Amino acid sequence: MNANIIALILKKWSIFISIRYSQDVKDSLVKLHQEVRSLKSLAEEFGPSKDSIAIWFK
């Protein structure tokens, strides 16, 4: 199978791959959000969705 086709398939299905974040990472992102950072900026920079960070914040 062509490498480009494989890359396209992986990209398409990557939304279904679950990534587990350590408690330290979660705590760090929550602390940044509490201090001044928006959920959007944290999600864009570090990868977890805004919704995930919001859940950790609760």
C-alpha atoms as a PDB file:
ATOM      1  CA  MET A   1       0.000   0.000   0.000  1.00  0.00           C
ATOM      2  CA  ASN A   2       1.260   3.467  -0.874  1.00  0.00           C
ATOM      3  CA  ALA A   3       2.665   5.472   2.097  1.00  0.00           C
ATOM      4  CA  ASN A   4       0.493   8.480   1.173  1.00  0.00           C
ATOM      5  CA  ILE A   5      -2.645   6.366   1.335  1.00  0.00           C
ATOM      6  CA  ILE A   6      -1.632   4.968   4.726  1.00  0.00           C
ATOM      7  CA  ALA A   7      -0.939   8.480   6.050  1.00  0.00           C
ATOM      8  CA  LEU A   8      -4.343   9.650   4.801  1.00  0.00           C
ATOM      9  CA  ILE A   9      -6.119   6.724   6.474  1.00  0.00           C
ATOM     10  CA  LEU A  10      -4.292   7.304   9.763  1.00  0.00           C
ATOM     11  CA  LYS A  11      -5.102  11.014   9.689  1.00  0.00           C
ATOM     12  CA  LYS A  12      -8.771  10.309   9.004  1.00  0.00           C
ATOM     13  CA  TRP A  13      -9.043   7.794  11.857  1.00  0.00           C
ATOM     14  CA  SER A  14      -6.847   9.668  14.354  1.00  0.00           C
ATOM     15  CA  ILE A  15      -9.914  11.379  15.818  1.00  0.00           C
ATOM     16  CA  PHE A  16     -10.895   7.983  17.243  1.00  0.00           C
ATOM     17  CA  ILE A  17      -7.573   7.388  19.002  1.00  0.00           C
ATOM     18  CA  SER A  18      -7.748   8.042  22.717  1.00  0.00           C
ATOM     19  CA  ILE A  19      -4.762   9.714  24.352  1.00  0.00           C
ATOM     20  CA  ARG A  20      -4.291   9.387  28.102  1.00  0.00           C
ATOM     21  CA  TYR A  21      -2.709  12.318  29.893  1.00  0.00           C
ATOM     22  CA  SER A  22      -0.854  11.907  33.183  1.00  0.00           C
ATOM     23  CA  GLN A  23      -2.231  13.522  36.307  1.00  0.00           C
ATOM     24  CA  ASP A  24       0.787  15.879  36.324  1.00  0.00           C
ATOM     25  CA  VAL A  25      -0.080  17.148  32.842  1.00  0.00           C
ATOM     26  CA  LYS A  26      -3.735  17.579  33.796  1.00  0.00           C
ATOM     27  CA  ASP A  27      -2.794  19.454  36.975  1.00  0.00           C
ATOM     28  CA  SER A  28      -0.408  21.717  35.054  1.00  0.00           C
ATOM     29  CA  LEU A  29      -3.038  22.631  32.457  1.00  0.00           C
ATOM     30  CA  VAL A  30      -5.646  23.286  35.148  1.00  0.00           C
ATOM     31  CA  LYS A  31      -3.188  25.537  36.983  1.00  0.00           C
ATOM     32  CA  LEU A  32      -2.431  27.473  33.785  1.00  0.00           C
ATOM     33  CA  HIS A  33      -6.162  27.882  33.166  1.00  0.00           C
ATOM     34  CA  GLN A  34      -6.737  29.104  36.722  1.00  0.00           C
ATOM     35  CA  GLU A  35      -3.957  31.668  36.368  1.00  0.00           C
ATOM     36  CA  VAL A  36      -4.751  33.299  33.014  1.00  0.00           C
ATOM     37  CA  ARG A  37      -4.854  30.969  30.019  1.00  0.00           C
ATOM     38  CA  SER A  38      -7.999  30.298  28.028  1.00  0.00           C
ATOM     39  CA  LEU A  39      -9.177  26.755  27.358  1.00  0.00           C
ATOM     40  CA  LYS A  40      -8.801  27.434  23.634  1.00  0.00           C
ATOM     41  CA  SER A  41      -5.151  28.491  23.899  1.00  0.00           C
ATOM     42  CA  LEU A  42      -4.283  25.509  26.105  1.00  0.00           C
ATOM     43  CA  ALA A  43      -6.014  23.101  23.729  1.00  0.00           C
ATOM     44  CA  GLU A  44      -4.221  24.564  20.708  1.00  0.00           C
ATOM     45  CA  GLU A  45      -0.799  24.480  22.373  1.00  0.00           C
ATOM     46  CA  PHE A  46      -0.919  21.192  24.290  1.00  0.00           C
ATOM     47  CA  GLY A  47      -3.414  19.001  22.416  1.00  0.00           C
ATOM     48  CA  PRO A  48      -6.258  17.990  24.735  1.00  0.00           C
ATOM     49  CA  SER A  49      -9.650  19.340  23.745  1.00  0.00           C
ATOM     50  CA  LYS A  50     -11.185  22.348  25.472  1.00  0.00           C
ATOM     51  CA  ASP A  51     -13.863  20.019  26.830  1.00  0.00           C
ATOM     52  CA  SER A  52     -11.302  17.666  28.373  1.00  0.00           C
ATOM     53  CA  ILE A  53      -9.488  20.511  30.115  1.00  0.00           C
ATOM     54  CA  ALA A  54     -12.816  21.896  31.355  1.00  0.00           C
ATOM     55  CA  ILE A  55     -13.675  18.504  32.864  1.00  0.00           C
ATOM     56  CA  TRP A  56     -10.278  18.354  34.614  1.00  0.00           C
ATOM     57  CA  PHE A  57     -10.882  21.877  35.918  1.00  0.00           C
ATOM     58  CA  LYS A  58     -14.117  20.910  37.692  1.00  0.00           C
END
